[in-house]
N, C-alpha and C. Protein backbone atom coordinates (compact mmCIF):
# COMPACT_ATOMS: atom_id res chain seq x y z
N UNK A 1 -79.98 277.31 87.42
CA UNK A 1 -79.76 276.07 88.15
C UNK A 1 -79.82 274.86 87.22
N UNK A 2 -80.82 274.88 86.31
CA UNK A 2 -80.93 273.79 85.36
C UNK A 2 -79.69 273.68 84.49
N UNK A 3 -79.16 274.82 84.07
CA UNK A 3 -77.96 274.84 83.23
C UNK A 3 -76.78 274.28 83.99
N UNK A 4 -76.64 274.64 85.26
CA UNK A 4 -75.54 274.13 86.09
C UNK A 4 -75.65 272.62 86.25
N UNK A 5 -76.85 272.13 86.47
CA UNK A 5 -77.04 270.67 86.62
C UNK A 5 -76.69 269.95 85.34
N UNK A 6 -77.15 270.53 84.21
CA UNK A 6 -76.86 269.92 82.93
C UNK A 6 -75.37 269.89 82.65
N UNK A 7 -74.70 270.98 82.95
CA UNK A 7 -73.25 271.05 82.74
C UNK A 7 -72.54 270.02 83.60
N UNK A 8 -72.97 269.91 84.86
CA UNK A 8 -72.36 268.92 85.76
C UNK A 8 -72.60 267.50 85.27
N UNK A 9 -73.81 267.25 84.79
CA UNK A 9 -74.14 265.93 84.25
C UNK A 9 -73.29 265.60 83.03
N UNK A 10 -73.11 266.59 82.14
CA UNK A 10 -72.28 266.38 80.94
C UNK A 10 -70.83 266.07 81.32
N UNK A 11 -70.29 266.81 82.28
CA UNK A 11 -68.91 266.57 82.72
C UNK A 11 -68.79 265.17 83.31
N UNK A 12 -69.78 264.79 84.10
CA UNK A 12 -69.77 263.45 84.69
C UNK A 12 -69.83 262.36 83.63
N UNK A 13 -70.69 262.56 82.63
CA UNK A 13 -70.80 261.57 81.55
C UNK A 13 -69.52 261.48 80.74
N UNK A 14 -68.91 262.63 80.45
CA UNK A 14 -67.64 262.62 79.72
C UNK A 14 -66.56 261.89 80.50
N UNK A 15 -66.51 262.12 81.81
CA UNK A 15 -65.51 261.43 82.65
C UNK A 15 -65.75 259.93 82.63
N UNK A 16 -67.02 259.53 82.70
CA UNK A 16 -67.35 258.10 82.68
C UNK A 16 -66.96 257.47 81.35
N UNK A 17 -67.26 258.14 80.23
CA UNK A 17 -66.89 257.63 78.92
C UNK A 17 -65.38 257.51 78.80
N UNK A 18 -64.64 258.51 79.30
CA UNK A 18 -63.17 258.46 79.26
C UNK A 18 -62.65 257.28 80.04
N UNK A 19 -63.23 257.01 81.20
CA UNK A 19 -62.79 255.86 82.02
C UNK A 19 -63.06 254.55 81.30
N UNK A 20 -64.24 254.42 80.70
CA UNK A 20 -64.59 253.20 79.98
C UNK A 20 -63.63 253.00 78.81
N UNK A 21 -63.32 254.08 78.09
CA UNK A 21 -62.39 253.98 76.95
C UNK A 21 -61.03 253.49 77.41
N UNK A 22 -60.55 254.03 78.51
CA UNK A 22 -59.23 253.64 79.02
C UNK A 22 -59.25 252.18 79.48
N UNK A 23 -60.33 251.77 80.12
CA UNK A 23 -60.38 250.40 80.64
C UNK A 23 -60.39 249.35 79.54
N UNK A 24 -60.89 249.68 78.34
CA UNK A 24 -60.93 248.69 77.27
C UNK A 24 -59.83 248.92 76.24
N UNK A 25 -58.88 249.76 76.59
CA UNK A 25 -57.76 250.09 75.71
C UNK A 25 -57.04 248.82 75.25
N UNK A 26 -56.87 248.68 73.95
CA UNK A 26 -56.15 247.54 73.39
C UNK A 26 -54.67 247.90 73.29
N UNK A 27 -53.79 247.15 73.96
CA UNK A 27 -52.36 247.47 73.95
C UNK A 27 -51.68 247.06 72.65
N UNK A 28 -51.80 247.91 71.64
CA UNK A 28 -51.32 247.57 70.30
C UNK A 28 -49.82 247.29 70.26
N UNK A 29 -49.03 248.11 70.96
CA UNK A 29 -47.57 247.91 70.95
C UNK A 29 -47.21 246.57 71.60
N UNK A 30 -47.89 246.26 72.70
CA UNK A 30 -47.64 244.98 73.37
C UNK A 30 -48.06 243.81 72.48
N UNK A 31 -49.14 243.98 71.73
CA UNK A 31 -49.61 242.92 70.82
C UNK A 31 -48.58 242.70 69.71
N UNK A 32 -48.00 243.77 69.20
CA UNK A 32 -46.96 243.63 68.16
C UNK A 32 -45.74 242.90 68.71
N UNK A 33 -45.32 243.27 69.91
CA UNK A 33 -44.16 242.58 70.52
C UNK A 33 -44.45 241.09 70.72
N UNK A 34 -45.65 240.78 71.20
CA UNK A 34 -46.04 239.38 71.42
C UNK A 34 -46.08 238.63 70.09
N UNK A 35 -46.65 239.26 69.07
CA UNK A 35 -46.73 238.62 67.75
C UNK A 35 -45.33 238.34 67.22
N UNK A 36 -44.43 239.30 67.32
CA UNK A 36 -43.07 239.12 66.81
C UNK A 36 -42.35 237.98 67.54
N UNK A 37 -42.55 237.89 68.86
CA UNK A 37 -41.92 236.80 69.63
C UNK A 37 -42.43 235.44 69.17
N UNK A 38 -43.74 235.33 69.02
CA UNK A 38 -44.34 234.05 68.61
C UNK A 38 -43.91 233.70 67.19
N UNK A 39 -43.93 234.66 66.29
CA UNK A 39 -43.54 234.41 64.90
C UNK A 39 -42.08 233.95 64.84
N UNK A 40 -41.22 234.59 65.62
CA UNK A 40 -39.81 234.18 65.64
C UNK A 40 -39.66 232.76 66.17
N UNK A 41 -40.44 232.42 67.19
CA UNK A 41 -40.39 231.05 67.73
C UNK A 41 -40.90 230.03 66.71
N UNK A 42 -41.97 230.37 66.01
CA UNK A 42 -42.57 229.43 65.05
C UNK A 42 -41.71 229.29 63.81
N UNK A 43 -41.24 230.39 63.26
CA UNK A 43 -40.50 230.37 62.00
C UNK A 43 -39.00 230.20 62.16
N UNK A 44 -38.48 230.45 63.34
CA UNK A 44 -37.03 230.31 63.55
C UNK A 44 -36.26 231.25 62.64
N UNK A 45 -35.32 230.72 61.91
CA UNK A 45 -34.44 231.54 61.07
C UNK A 45 -35.18 232.19 59.89
N UNK A 46 -36.36 231.68 59.56
CA UNK A 46 -37.11 232.29 58.45
C UNK A 46 -37.68 233.65 58.82
N UNK A 47 -37.87 233.90 60.14
CA UNK A 47 -38.46 235.16 60.56
C UNK A 47 -37.44 236.28 60.47
N UNK A 48 -37.86 237.36 59.87
CA UNK A 48 -37.00 238.55 59.84
C UNK A 48 -37.88 239.76 59.87
N UNK A 49 -37.44 240.79 60.57
CA UNK A 49 -38.26 241.99 60.67
C UNK A 49 -38.03 242.85 59.44
N UNK A 50 -39.02 242.86 58.58
CA UNK A 50 -38.94 243.67 57.37
C UNK A 50 -39.97 244.78 57.42
N UNK A 51 -40.28 245.27 58.63
CA UNK A 51 -41.34 246.26 58.77
C UNK A 51 -40.98 247.59 58.16
N UNK A 52 -39.68 247.94 58.05
CA UNK A 52 -39.30 249.19 57.41
C UNK A 52 -39.58 249.08 55.92
N UNK A 53 -40.41 249.95 55.42
CA UNK A 53 -40.74 249.92 54.00
C UNK A 53 -41.63 248.74 53.64
N UNK A 54 -42.30 248.15 54.60
CA UNK A 54 -43.16 247.01 54.35
C UNK A 54 -44.35 247.43 53.49
N UNK A 55 -44.55 246.78 52.35
CA UNK A 55 -45.66 247.17 51.49
C UNK A 55 -47.01 246.89 52.10
N UNK A 56 -47.07 246.02 53.11
CA UNK A 56 -48.36 245.70 53.70
C UNK A 56 -48.78 246.75 54.72
N UNK A 57 -47.83 247.61 55.15
CA UNK A 57 -48.17 248.62 56.13
C UNK A 57 -48.27 249.95 55.43
N UNK A 58 -49.47 250.50 55.36
CA UNK A 58 -49.65 251.74 54.63
C UNK A 58 -49.42 252.91 55.55
N UNK A 59 -48.72 253.92 55.05
CA UNK A 59 -48.47 255.12 55.84
C UNK A 59 -49.67 256.05 55.77
N UNK A 60 -49.81 256.91 56.80
CA UNK A 60 -50.90 257.86 56.83
C UNK A 60 -50.35 259.24 57.08
N UNK A 61 -50.85 260.21 56.37
CA UNK A 61 -50.44 261.57 56.66
C UNK A 61 -51.29 262.08 57.81
N UNK A 62 -50.65 262.79 58.74
CA UNK A 62 -51.35 263.28 59.91
C UNK A 62 -51.74 264.74 59.72
N UNK A 63 -52.93 265.07 60.16
CA UNK A 63 -53.35 266.46 60.18
C UNK A 63 -52.98 267.05 61.53
N UNK A 64 -53.00 268.38 61.64
CA UNK A 64 -52.71 269.03 62.92
C UNK A 64 -53.71 268.57 63.97
N UNK A 65 -54.98 268.45 63.57
CA UNK A 65 -56.00 267.98 64.50
C UNK A 65 -55.70 266.55 64.95
N UNK A 66 -55.29 265.70 63.99
CA UNK A 66 -54.98 264.31 64.32
C UNK A 66 -53.81 264.22 65.29
N UNK A 67 -52.78 265.07 65.08
CA UNK A 67 -51.63 265.06 65.99
C UNK A 67 -52.04 265.51 67.39
N UNK A 68 -52.89 266.56 67.44
CA UNK A 68 -53.35 267.04 68.74
C UNK A 68 -54.16 265.97 69.46
N UNK A 69 -55.11 265.37 68.72
CA UNK A 69 -55.95 264.32 69.32
C UNK A 69 -55.09 263.15 69.78
N UNK A 70 -54.09 262.80 68.96
CA UNK A 70 -53.19 261.71 69.34
C UNK A 70 -52.43 262.00 70.60
N UNK A 71 -51.91 263.24 70.71
CA UNK A 71 -51.16 263.62 71.91
C UNK A 71 -52.05 263.62 73.15
N UNK A 72 -53.28 264.14 72.97
CA UNK A 72 -54.22 264.18 74.08
C UNK A 72 -54.55 262.76 74.55
N UNK A 73 -54.83 261.89 73.59
CA UNK A 73 -55.15 260.51 73.93
C UNK A 73 -53.96 259.82 74.60
N UNK A 74 -52.74 260.06 74.06
CA UNK A 74 -51.53 259.45 74.64
C UNK A 74 -51.33 259.92 76.07
N UNK A 75 -51.62 261.20 76.34
CA UNK A 75 -51.48 261.72 77.70
C UNK A 75 -52.46 261.03 78.63
N UNK A 76 -53.70 260.86 78.16
CA UNK A 76 -54.71 260.17 78.98
C UNK A 76 -54.28 258.74 79.27
N UNK A 77 -53.74 258.06 78.25
CA UNK A 77 -53.33 256.67 78.42
C UNK A 77 -52.15 256.59 79.38
N UNK A 78 -51.17 257.51 79.22
CA UNK A 78 -50.00 257.49 80.11
C UNK A 78 -50.41 257.65 81.55
N UNK A 79 -51.40 258.49 81.81
CA UNK A 79 -51.83 258.69 83.18
C UNK A 79 -52.53 257.45 83.73
N UNK A 80 -53.14 256.67 82.85
CA UNK A 80 -53.85 255.47 83.30
C UNK A 80 -52.95 254.25 83.33
N UNK A 81 -51.92 254.24 82.49
CA UNK A 81 -51.01 253.10 82.39
C UNK A 81 -49.58 253.61 82.52
N UNK A 82 -48.92 253.27 83.60
CA UNK A 82 -47.54 253.75 83.79
C UNK A 82 -46.65 253.22 82.69
N UNK A 83 -46.88 252.00 82.25
CA UNK A 83 -46.10 251.42 81.16
C UNK A 83 -47.02 250.54 80.33
N UNK A 84 -46.71 250.42 79.05
CA UNK A 84 -47.51 249.56 78.18
C UNK A 84 -47.33 248.12 78.64
N UNK A 85 -48.39 247.46 79.06
CA UNK A 85 -48.24 246.11 79.60
C UNK A 85 -47.92 245.10 78.50
N UNK A 86 -47.28 244.02 78.90
CA UNK A 86 -47.07 242.93 77.96
C UNK A 86 -48.30 242.04 77.98
N UNK A 87 -48.61 241.46 76.84
CA UNK A 87 -49.70 240.49 76.79
C UNK A 87 -49.21 239.16 77.32
N UNK A 88 -50.09 238.44 77.99
CA UNK A 88 -49.76 237.10 78.46
C UNK A 88 -49.90 236.13 77.28
N UNK A 89 -48.77 235.56 76.87
CA UNK A 89 -48.80 234.57 75.78
C UNK A 89 -48.12 233.28 76.24
N UNK A 90 -48.17 233.02 77.54
CA UNK A 90 -47.45 231.87 78.11
C UNK A 90 -48.34 230.83 78.76
N UNK A 91 -49.57 230.70 78.30
CA UNK A 91 -50.44 229.68 78.89
C UNK A 91 -50.15 228.32 78.25
N UNK A 92 -50.52 227.24 78.91
CA UNK A 92 -50.32 225.91 78.31
C UNK A 92 -51.01 225.75 76.96
N UNK A 93 -52.20 226.32 76.80
CA UNK A 93 -52.93 226.20 75.52
C UNK A 93 -52.18 226.91 74.40
N UNK A 94 -51.65 228.11 74.69
CA UNK A 94 -50.90 228.87 73.68
C UNK A 94 -49.61 228.13 73.34
N UNK A 95 -48.92 227.61 74.36
CA UNK A 95 -47.67 226.87 74.13
C UNK A 95 -47.90 225.64 73.26
N UNK A 96 -49.02 224.96 73.49
CA UNK A 96 -49.34 223.75 72.70
C UNK A 96 -49.59 224.11 71.23
N UNK A 97 -50.34 225.17 71.00
CA UNK A 97 -50.61 225.61 69.62
C UNK A 97 -49.30 226.02 68.95
N UNK A 98 -48.48 226.74 69.68
CA UNK A 98 -47.20 227.22 69.14
C UNK A 98 -46.29 226.05 68.75
N UNK A 99 -46.24 225.04 69.59
CA UNK A 99 -45.42 223.86 69.30
C UNK A 99 -45.91 223.15 68.04
N UNK A 100 -47.23 223.06 67.89
CA UNK A 100 -47.82 222.43 66.70
C UNK A 100 -47.44 223.22 65.45
N UNK A 101 -47.48 224.54 65.54
CA UNK A 101 -47.14 225.39 64.40
C UNK A 101 -45.65 225.30 64.06
N UNK A 102 -44.81 225.19 65.09
CA UNK A 102 -43.36 225.04 64.85
C UNK A 102 -43.07 223.77 64.06
N UNK A 103 -43.68 222.66 64.47
CA UNK A 103 -43.46 221.39 63.78
C UNK A 103 -43.94 221.46 62.33
N UNK A 104 -45.09 222.07 62.13
CA UNK A 104 -45.68 222.15 60.79
C UNK A 104 -44.86 223.05 59.87
N UNK A 105 -44.21 224.05 60.44
CA UNK A 105 -43.48 225.02 59.62
C UNK A 105 -42.40 224.35 58.77
N UNK A 106 -41.80 223.30 59.27
CA UNK A 106 -40.76 222.59 58.50
C UNK A 106 -41.32 222.08 57.18
N UNK A 107 -42.59 221.69 57.19
CA UNK A 107 -43.24 221.19 55.97
C UNK A 107 -43.77 222.33 55.10
N UNK A 108 -44.19 223.43 55.75
CA UNK A 108 -44.75 224.56 55.00
C UNK A 108 -43.68 225.41 54.33
N UNK A 109 -42.51 225.49 54.93
CA UNK A 109 -41.47 226.41 54.44
C UNK A 109 -41.15 226.23 52.96
N UNK A 110 -40.92 224.99 52.47
CA UNK A 110 -40.65 224.86 51.03
C UNK A 110 -41.85 225.25 50.16
N UNK A 111 -43.05 225.16 50.71
CA UNK A 111 -44.25 225.54 49.96
C UNK A 111 -44.37 227.06 49.85
N UNK A 112 -43.97 227.77 50.92
CA UNK A 112 -43.89 229.24 50.84
C UNK A 112 -42.87 229.63 49.76
N UNK A 113 -41.69 229.00 49.84
CA UNK A 113 -40.59 229.34 48.93
C UNK A 113 -40.97 229.07 47.47
N UNK A 114 -41.76 228.01 47.22
CA UNK A 114 -42.16 227.67 45.86
C UNK A 114 -43.30 228.56 45.35
N UNK A 115 -43.92 229.31 46.26
CA UNK A 115 -45.04 230.16 45.86
C UNK A 115 -46.37 229.42 45.82
N UNK A 116 -46.39 228.20 46.33
CA UNK A 116 -47.63 227.41 46.32
C UNK A 116 -48.63 227.95 47.33
N UNK A 117 -48.15 228.47 48.45
CA UNK A 117 -49.01 229.02 49.49
C UNK A 117 -48.52 230.42 49.83
N UNK A 118 -49.39 231.19 50.49
CA UNK A 118 -49.01 232.53 50.89
C UNK A 118 -49.80 232.99 52.09
N UNK A 119 -49.42 234.16 52.58
CA UNK A 119 -50.03 234.77 53.76
C UNK A 119 -51.19 235.67 53.33
N UNK A 120 -52.29 235.61 54.08
CA UNK A 120 -53.42 236.47 53.75
C UNK A 120 -53.42 237.72 54.62
N UNK A 121 -54.20 238.70 54.24
CA UNK A 121 -54.30 239.94 55.02
C UNK A 121 -55.13 239.75 56.28
N UNK A 122 -55.69 238.55 56.47
CA UNK A 122 -56.47 238.27 57.68
C UNK A 122 -55.71 237.39 58.66
N UNK A 123 -54.41 237.22 58.46
CA UNK A 123 -53.61 236.47 59.41
C UNK A 123 -53.67 234.97 59.25
N UNK A 124 -54.12 234.51 58.09
CA UNK A 124 -54.21 233.07 57.82
C UNK A 124 -53.32 232.74 56.62
N UNK A 125 -53.37 231.47 56.19
CA UNK A 125 -52.68 231.03 54.98
C UNK A 125 -53.71 230.73 53.90
N UNK A 126 -53.26 230.78 52.67
CA UNK A 126 -54.12 230.40 51.54
C UNK A 126 -53.27 229.67 50.51
N UNK A 127 -53.91 228.73 49.82
CA UNK A 127 -53.25 228.08 48.69
C UNK A 127 -53.23 229.08 47.56
N UNK A 128 -52.07 229.31 46.98
CA UNK A 128 -51.92 230.30 45.91
C UNK A 128 -51.78 229.66 44.54
N UNK A 129 -50.92 228.63 44.44
CA UNK A 129 -50.66 228.02 43.14
C UNK A 129 -50.19 226.58 43.35
N UNK A 130 -51.13 225.65 43.32
CA UNK A 130 -50.78 224.24 43.54
C UNK A 130 -49.90 223.69 42.43
N UNK A 131 -49.94 224.30 41.26
CA UNK A 131 -49.11 223.82 40.15
C UNK A 131 -47.62 224.00 40.43
N UNK A 132 -47.31 224.80 41.45
CA UNK A 132 -45.90 224.98 41.83
C UNK A 132 -45.35 223.74 42.55
N UNK A 133 -46.25 222.81 42.91
CA UNK A 133 -45.85 221.59 43.62
C UNK A 133 -46.07 220.37 42.74
N UNK A 134 -45.36 219.29 43.05
CA UNK A 134 -45.62 218.04 42.34
C UNK A 134 -46.98 217.50 42.78
N UNK A 135 -47.54 216.62 42.00
CA UNK A 135 -48.90 216.13 42.24
C UNK A 135 -49.04 215.52 43.63
N UNK A 136 -48.03 214.82 44.07
CA UNK A 136 -48.07 214.14 45.37
C UNK A 136 -48.16 215.15 46.52
N UNK A 137 -47.58 216.32 46.38
CA UNK A 137 -47.54 217.31 47.46
C UNK A 137 -48.76 218.21 47.51
N UNK A 138 -49.59 218.19 46.50
CA UNK A 138 -50.71 219.13 46.43
C UNK A 138 -51.75 218.90 47.52
N UNK A 139 -52.12 217.67 47.73
CA UNK A 139 -53.10 217.35 48.79
C UNK A 139 -52.51 217.67 50.15
N UNK A 140 -51.22 217.37 50.32
CA UNK A 140 -50.56 217.68 51.59
C UNK A 140 -50.59 219.18 51.85
N UNK A 141 -50.36 219.99 50.82
CA UNK A 141 -50.38 221.45 50.98
C UNK A 141 -51.76 221.92 51.46
N UNK A 142 -52.81 221.40 50.86
CA UNK A 142 -54.16 221.80 51.27
C UNK A 142 -54.45 221.39 52.71
N UNK A 143 -54.02 220.19 53.09
CA UNK A 143 -54.23 219.73 54.47
C UNK A 143 -53.44 220.58 55.47
N UNK A 144 -52.19 220.87 55.12
CA UNK A 144 -51.35 221.66 56.02
C UNK A 144 -51.90 223.08 56.19
N UNK A 145 -52.38 223.68 55.13
CA UNK A 145 -52.96 225.03 55.21
C UNK A 145 -54.19 225.00 56.12
N UNK A 146 -55.05 223.99 55.98
CA UNK A 146 -56.23 223.87 56.84
C UNK A 146 -55.84 223.71 58.31
N UNK A 147 -54.83 222.86 58.58
CA UNK A 147 -54.37 222.66 59.96
C UNK A 147 -53.77 223.95 60.53
N UNK A 148 -52.96 224.63 59.71
CA UNK A 148 -52.33 225.87 60.17
C UNK A 148 -53.39 226.94 60.47
N UNK A 149 -54.39 227.04 59.63
CA UNK A 149 -55.43 228.05 59.86
C UNK A 149 -56.24 227.74 61.12
N UNK A 150 -56.47 226.46 61.41
CA UNK A 150 -57.14 226.09 62.67
C UNK A 150 -56.30 226.55 63.85
N UNK A 151 -54.99 226.30 63.78
CA UNK A 151 -54.11 226.70 64.88
C UNK A 151 -54.02 228.21 65.02
N UNK A 152 -53.94 228.91 63.90
CA UNK A 152 -53.84 230.38 63.96
C UNK A 152 -55.10 230.97 64.57
N UNK A 153 -56.27 230.51 64.14
CA UNK A 153 -57.52 231.00 64.75
C UNK A 153 -57.57 230.68 66.24
N UNK A 154 -57.12 229.48 66.59
CA UNK A 154 -57.06 229.10 68.00
C UNK A 154 -56.09 229.96 68.78
N UNK A 155 -54.94 230.27 68.19
CA UNK A 155 -53.94 231.12 68.84
C UNK A 155 -54.50 232.50 69.15
N UNK A 156 -55.16 233.12 68.18
CA UNK A 156 -55.70 234.47 68.39
C UNK A 156 -56.76 234.45 69.50
N UNK A 157 -57.61 233.43 69.49
CA UNK A 157 -58.65 233.32 70.52
C UNK A 157 -58.04 233.09 71.90
N UNK A 158 -57.02 232.23 71.97
CA UNK A 158 -56.40 231.92 73.26
C UNK A 158 -55.66 233.12 73.85
N UNK A 159 -55.00 233.90 73.01
CA UNK A 159 -54.30 235.09 73.52
C UNK A 159 -55.31 236.08 74.10
N UNK A 160 -56.41 236.30 73.38
CA UNK A 160 -57.45 237.20 73.89
C UNK A 160 -58.01 236.69 75.21
N UNK A 161 -58.28 235.39 75.26
CA UNK A 161 -58.85 234.77 76.47
C UNK A 161 -57.85 234.83 77.63
N UNK A 162 -56.58 234.56 77.36
CA UNK A 162 -55.56 234.55 78.41
C UNK A 162 -55.38 235.93 79.03
N UNK A 163 -55.74 236.97 78.30
CA UNK A 163 -55.59 238.33 78.80
C UNK A 163 -56.90 238.91 79.30
N UNK A 164 -57.92 238.05 79.42
CA UNK A 164 -59.19 238.48 80.01
C UNK A 164 -60.03 239.39 79.13
N UNK A 165 -59.72 239.42 77.82
CA UNK A 165 -60.47 240.28 76.91
C UNK A 165 -60.78 239.52 75.62
N UNK A 166 -61.75 238.62 75.64
CA UNK A 166 -62.09 237.89 74.42
C UNK A 166 -62.47 238.82 73.27
N UNK A 167 -62.95 240.02 73.60
CA UNK A 167 -63.33 240.98 72.55
C UNK A 167 -62.12 241.53 71.79
N UNK A 168 -60.92 241.27 72.29
CA UNK A 168 -59.70 241.71 71.61
C UNK A 168 -59.30 240.80 70.45
N UNK A 169 -59.96 239.66 70.30
CA UNK A 169 -59.53 238.69 69.28
C UNK A 169 -59.37 239.30 67.89
N UNK A 170 -60.33 240.10 67.39
CA UNK A 170 -60.13 240.69 66.05
C UNK A 170 -58.90 241.60 65.99
N UNK A 171 -58.64 242.36 67.06
CA UNK A 171 -57.47 243.24 67.08
C UNK A 171 -56.17 242.43 67.11
N UNK A 172 -56.18 241.34 67.87
CA UNK A 172 -55.00 240.48 67.94
C UNK A 172 -54.76 239.84 66.57
N UNK A 173 -55.82 239.36 65.94
CA UNK A 173 -55.69 238.75 64.62
C UNK A 173 -55.17 239.76 63.60
N UNK A 174 -55.69 240.98 63.63
CA UNK A 174 -55.24 242.02 62.69
C UNK A 174 -53.76 242.36 62.92
N UNK A 175 -53.35 242.38 64.20
CA UNK A 175 -51.95 242.66 64.51
C UNK A 175 -51.06 241.55 63.98
N UNK A 176 -51.44 240.31 64.23
CA UNK A 176 -50.66 239.18 63.72
C UNK A 176 -50.62 239.19 62.20
N UNK A 177 -51.74 239.52 61.56
CA UNK A 177 -51.77 239.54 60.10
C UNK A 177 -50.68 240.46 59.55
N UNK A 178 -50.56 241.64 60.14
CA UNK A 178 -49.52 242.58 59.69
C UNK A 178 -48.12 242.07 59.99
N UNK A 179 -47.95 241.45 61.16
CA UNK A 179 -46.61 241.02 61.58
C UNK A 179 -46.15 239.76 60.86
N UNK A 180 -47.06 238.85 60.51
CA UNK A 180 -46.67 237.68 59.71
C UNK A 180 -46.04 238.18 58.41
N UNK A 181 -46.71 239.14 57.76
CA UNK A 181 -46.22 239.64 56.47
C UNK A 181 -44.92 240.43 56.67
N UNK A 182 -44.87 241.25 57.70
CA UNK A 182 -43.67 242.06 57.94
C UNK A 182 -42.44 241.18 58.21
N UNK A 183 -42.64 240.07 58.88
CA UNK A 183 -41.53 239.19 59.25
C UNK A 183 -41.21 238.13 58.20
N UNK A 184 -42.01 238.03 57.16
CA UNK A 184 -41.79 237.00 56.13
C UNK A 184 -40.53 237.31 55.33
N UNK A 185 -39.79 236.28 54.95
CA UNK A 185 -38.60 236.49 54.12
C UNK A 185 -38.95 236.99 52.72
N UNK A 186 -38.00 237.63 52.08
CA UNK A 186 -38.18 238.03 50.68
C UNK A 186 -38.43 236.79 49.83
N UNK A 187 -39.32 236.93 48.86
CA UNK A 187 -39.64 235.81 47.98
C UNK A 187 -40.95 235.13 48.33
N UNK A 188 -41.42 235.29 49.59
CA UNK A 188 -42.70 234.69 49.97
C UNK A 188 -43.83 235.58 49.43
N UNK A 189 -45.00 234.97 49.25
CA UNK A 189 -46.15 235.66 48.72
C UNK A 189 -47.12 236.03 49.83
N UNK A 190 -47.80 237.15 49.63
CA UNK A 190 -48.83 237.60 50.58
C UNK A 190 -49.94 238.28 49.80
N UNK A 191 -51.12 238.33 50.43
CA UNK A 191 -52.26 239.02 49.83
C UNK A 191 -52.39 240.40 50.47
N UNK A 192 -52.64 241.41 49.64
CA UNK A 192 -52.92 242.72 50.19
C UNK A 192 -54.38 242.78 50.62
N UNK A 193 -54.81 243.92 51.14
CA UNK A 193 -56.17 244.06 51.66
C UNK A 193 -57.22 243.80 50.59
N UNK A 194 -56.87 244.01 49.32
CA UNK A 194 -57.82 243.76 48.24
C UNK A 194 -57.82 242.32 47.74
N UNK A 195 -56.99 241.47 48.35
CA UNK A 195 -56.93 240.07 47.96
C UNK A 195 -56.00 239.79 46.80
N UNK A 196 -55.20 240.78 46.39
CA UNK A 196 -54.24 240.59 45.30
C UNK A 196 -52.94 239.98 45.83
N UNK A 197 -52.41 239.02 45.09
CA UNK A 197 -51.16 238.39 45.51
C UNK A 197 -49.97 239.27 45.13
N UNK A 198 -49.04 239.39 46.08
CA UNK A 198 -47.81 240.15 45.85
C UNK A 198 -46.65 239.35 46.42
N UNK A 199 -45.49 239.56 45.83
CA UNK A 199 -44.30 238.85 46.31
C UNK A 199 -43.40 239.83 47.05
N UNK A 200 -42.91 239.41 48.20
CA UNK A 200 -42.00 240.28 48.96
C UNK A 200 -40.64 240.34 48.27
């Protein structure tokens, strides 16, 4: 009898853990779609999808166990979610941040092209080489990078908040970090995970 009770308790606990896991599921594909839409709106013609062969996205070899676990998890998710939901990125706060970033991009674009600034692996901007700019533009570059980073941090927080999951902010930021680099034009600079500068 004790064994039966224990077995029943274990099954119940496993079911509860599975439900909790599904309820906090981060919609990674939806986050990528949302990031790409926002990046295209902010960068306009500068945005291009270069995710195929993107040096910032590392490939992983799958083991048989990993494939099985992935299929099992995907089946559980499909049963809980009929379709991958879209993230809400249409709040007034998000729109305001996006508009600010669009306006600033006109000033940042020549700085990207000159190699003075670049994209970081954390979804922000960094000053890379101020000597690539004339003396008059150097202070402006530092100010613009600071303003852009404030807006980017605000954007990630607002998207998480708008979707009722503030705990998703790190995942949203990590998704944007990959997509900023993937969508950047050739010739722009980015930092890899080790902080090394590379040119696309």
